[in-house]
Amino acid sequence: MVCLGNICRSPLAEGILREKTKKLSVNLTIDSAGTSNYHVGEHPDKRTIENAFKHNVDISKLKARQFSLNDFDNFDLIFVMDSSNYSDIISLARNNDDKEKVEMILNRVYPNANISVPDPYFGVEQGFENVFTILNNACEIIVNSLIESL
């Protein structure tokens, strides 16, 4: 899961997907990162933590990190939150195999629409709730597709 700073959208997506896979006893490696290094080592935004907790998702112990080339080797799927993140990650790809791993997360909900998950950072609390709902729906589809492929 990748967003800009790894303190709002991507850690929330990581937490949601972890919860969904834990309930289904599916063992996956799930992580999140940012395209920037603005918040490396910081916990997610307080508002994101609080919103996630309202939905029984604990992301309070996560710490931001920057996406690295090793992520292409360590993960089969790389979900990005918006078109800027997509461009940033694609520009780091070393080959077509790397590029094929990168996908806009909402394309799982709206195929080929390339819709961005809005960044709630500069908004009001309702924005965090909206992002939770959006990512929860996407993660549900992701989990279901992973189960079907097992």
Protein backbone atom coordinates (compact mmCIF):
# COMPACT_ATOMS: atom_id res chain seq x y z
CA MET A 1 0.00 0.00 0.00
CA VAL A 2 1.57 3.29 -1.08
CA CYS A 3 0.61 6.94 -0.64
CA LEU A 4 2.61 10.15 -0.40
CA GLY A 5 3.71 10.34 3.25
CA ASN A 6 2.63 6.95 4.62
CA ILE A 7 0.71 8.52 7.50
CA CYS A 8 -2.92 8.52 6.31
CA ARG A 9 -4.15 6.43 3.40
CA SER A 10 -1.55 3.68 3.02
CA PRO A 11 -1.22 2.74 6.71
CA LEU A 12 -5.00 2.69 6.92
CA ALA A 13 -5.19 0.39 3.89
CA GLU A 14 -2.48 -1.79 5.44
CA GLY A 15 -4.39 -2.03 8.71
CA ILE A 16 -7.71 -2.79 7.05
CA LEU A 17 -6.20 -5.50 4.85
CA ARG A 18 -4.37 -7.03 7.84
CA GLU A 19 -7.64 -7.23 9.79
CA LYS A 20 -9.50 -8.81 6.90
CA THR A 21 -6.82 -11.42 6.30
CA LYS A 22 -6.47 -12.18 10.02
CA LYS A 23 -10.18 -12.95 10.30
CA LEU A 24 -9.88 -15.35 7.39
CA SER A 25 -6.68 -16.98 8.62
CA VAL A 26 -4.90 -16.03 5.41
CA ASN A 27 -1.16 -15.55 5.85
CA LEU A 28 0.10 -12.63 3.76
CA THR A 29 2.88 -10.11 4.08
CA ILE A 30 1.21 -6.71 4.13
CA ASP A 31 3.05 -3.41 4.46
CA SER A 32 2.76 0.23 3.50
CA ALA A 33 5.13 2.97 2.39
CA GLY A 34 5.22 6.51 1.12
CA THR A 35 6.70 7.89 -2.06
CA SER A 36 8.25 10.72 -0.05
CA ASN A 37 10.49 10.72 3.01
CA TYR A 38 8.53 13.50 4.79
CA HIS A 39 7.38 11.36 7.72
CA VAL A 40 9.83 8.44 7.90
CA GLY A 41 9.78 6.94 11.39
CA GLU A 42 6.56 8.70 12.43
CA HIS A 43 3.34 6.99 13.47
CA PRO A 44 0.25 7.51 11.33
CA ASP A 45 -1.65 10.77 11.64
CA LYS A 46 -3.58 10.89 14.94
CA ARG A 47 -6.88 11.35 13.09
CA THR A 48 -6.21 8.26 10.97
CA ILE A 49 -5.37 6.21 14.06
CA GLU A 50 -8.56 7.36 15.81
CA ASN A 51 -10.73 6.68 12.79
CA ALA A 52 -9.26 3.22 12.27
CA PHE A 53 -9.72 2.42 15.96
CA LYS A 54 -13.45 3.27 15.68
CA HIS A 55 -13.61 0.39 13.20
CA ASN A 56 -11.55 -2.01 15.36
CA VAL A 57 -8.41 -1.56 13.27
CA ASP A 58 -5.28 -0.75 15.29
CA ILE A 59 -2.58 1.03 13.28
CA SER A 60 -1.08 2.94 16.22
CA LYS A 61 2.20 1.03 16.18
CA LEU A 62 2.90 1.42 12.47
CA LYS A 63 5.73 3.73 11.43
CA ALA A 64 6.13 5.52 8.13
CA ARG A 65 8.80 4.46 5.70
CA GLN A 66 9.72 5.37 2.17
CA PHE A 67 9.13 2.99 -0.73
CA SER A 68 12.34 1.29 -1.85
CA LEU A 69 13.40 -0.75 -4.86
CA ASN A 70 13.44 -3.83 -2.61
CA ASP A 71 9.65 -3.53 -2.38
CA PHE A 72 9.44 -4.69 -5.99
CA ASP A 73 11.24 -7.88 -4.92
CA ASN A 74 9.38 -8.35 -1.64
CA PHE A 75 5.78 -7.88 -2.83
CA ASP A 76 3.65 -9.41 -5.56
CA LEU A 77 1.14 -6.54 -5.57
CA ILE A 78 1.76 -2.83 -5.00
CA PHE A 79 -1.40 -0.78 -4.56
CA VAL A 80 -1.10 3.00 -4.89
CA MET A 81 -3.61 5.56 -3.68
CA ASP A 82 -3.50 8.11 -6.50
CA SER A 83 -2.13 8.89 -9.94
CA SER A 84 0.83 10.83 -8.55
CA ASN A 85 1.85 7.83 -6.42
CA TYR A 86 1.38 5.62 -9.46
CA SER A 87 3.70 7.78 -11.58
CA ASP A 88 6.29 7.94 -8.81
CA ILE A 89 6.38 4.17 -8.32
CA ILE A 90 6.31 3.37 -12.04
CA SER A 91 9.28 5.72 -12.53
CA LEU A 92 11.27 3.56 -10.09
CA ALA A 93 10.40 0.29 -11.83
CA ARG A 94 13.40 -1.54 -13.17
CA ASN A 95 11.50 -3.61 -15.75
CA ASN A 96 8.04 -4.63 -16.96
CA ASP A 97 7.69 -7.20 -14.15
CA ASP A 98 7.99 -4.38 -11.62
CA LYS A 99 5.48 -2.23 -13.53
CA GLU A 100 2.94 -5.04 -13.70
CA LYS A 101 2.84 -5.23 -9.89
CA VAL A 102 1.68 -1.60 -9.55
CA GLU A 103 -2.04 -0.86 -9.53
CA MET A 104 -4.33 1.96 -8.47
CA ILE A 105 -6.17 0.45 -5.49
CA LEU A 106 -9.57 1.72 -6.58
CA ASN A 107 -9.24 -0.09 -9.90
CA ARG A 108 -10.29 -3.13 -7.87
CA VAL A 109 -13.61 -1.38 -7.21
CA TYR A 110 -13.91 0.57 -10.49
CA PRO A 111 -11.88 -1.37 -13.09
CA ASN A 112 -9.66 0.78 -15.31
CA ALA A 113 -11.18 4.02 -13.99
CA ASN A 114 -7.93 5.16 -12.30
CA ILE A 115 -9.83 6.92 -9.52
CA SER A 116 -7.72 8.32 -6.68
CA VAL A 117 -8.33 7.80 -2.98
CA PRO A 118 -8.68 11.37 -1.67
CA ASP A 119 -5.99 12.51 0.75
CA PRO A 120 -7.76 13.45 3.99
CA TYR A 121 -4.70 15.14 5.55
CA PHE A 122 -5.79 18.76 5.03
CA GLY A 123 -9.50 18.10 5.45
CA VAL A 124 -12.01 17.58 8.22
CA GLU A 125 -12.74 14.44 10.22
CA GLN A 126 -15.46 13.27 7.82
CA GLY A 127 -12.76 12.94 5.16
CA PHE A 128 -11.03 10.29 7.26
CA GLU A 129 -14.30 8.38 7.61
CA ASN A 130 -14.89 8.59 3.86
CA VAL A 131 -11.38 7.27 3.17
CA PHE A 132 -11.96 4.40 5.59
CA THR A 133 -15.14 3.41 3.73
CA ILE A 134 -13.44 3.63 0.33
CA LEU A 135 -10.42 1.59 1.42
CA ASN A 136 -12.52 -0.94 3.30
CA ASN A 137 -14.48 -1.66 0.12
CA ALA A 138 -11.31 -1.98 -1.95
CA CYS A 139 -9.64 -4.25 0.61
CA GLU A 140 -12.70 -6.50 0.73
CA ILE A 141 -12.43 -7.02 -3.01
CA ILE A 142 -8.67 -7.59 -2.75
CA VAL A 143 -9.11 -10.23 -0.05
CA ASN A 144 -11.82 -12.00 -2.02
CA SER A 145 -9.66 -12.07 -5.16
CA LEU A 146 -6.69 -13.40 -3.19
CA ILE A 147 -8.78 -16.17 -1.64
CA GLU A 148 -10.08 -17.16 -5.07
CA SER A 149 -6.50 -17.42 -6.35
CA LEU A 150 -5.34 -19.71 -3.51
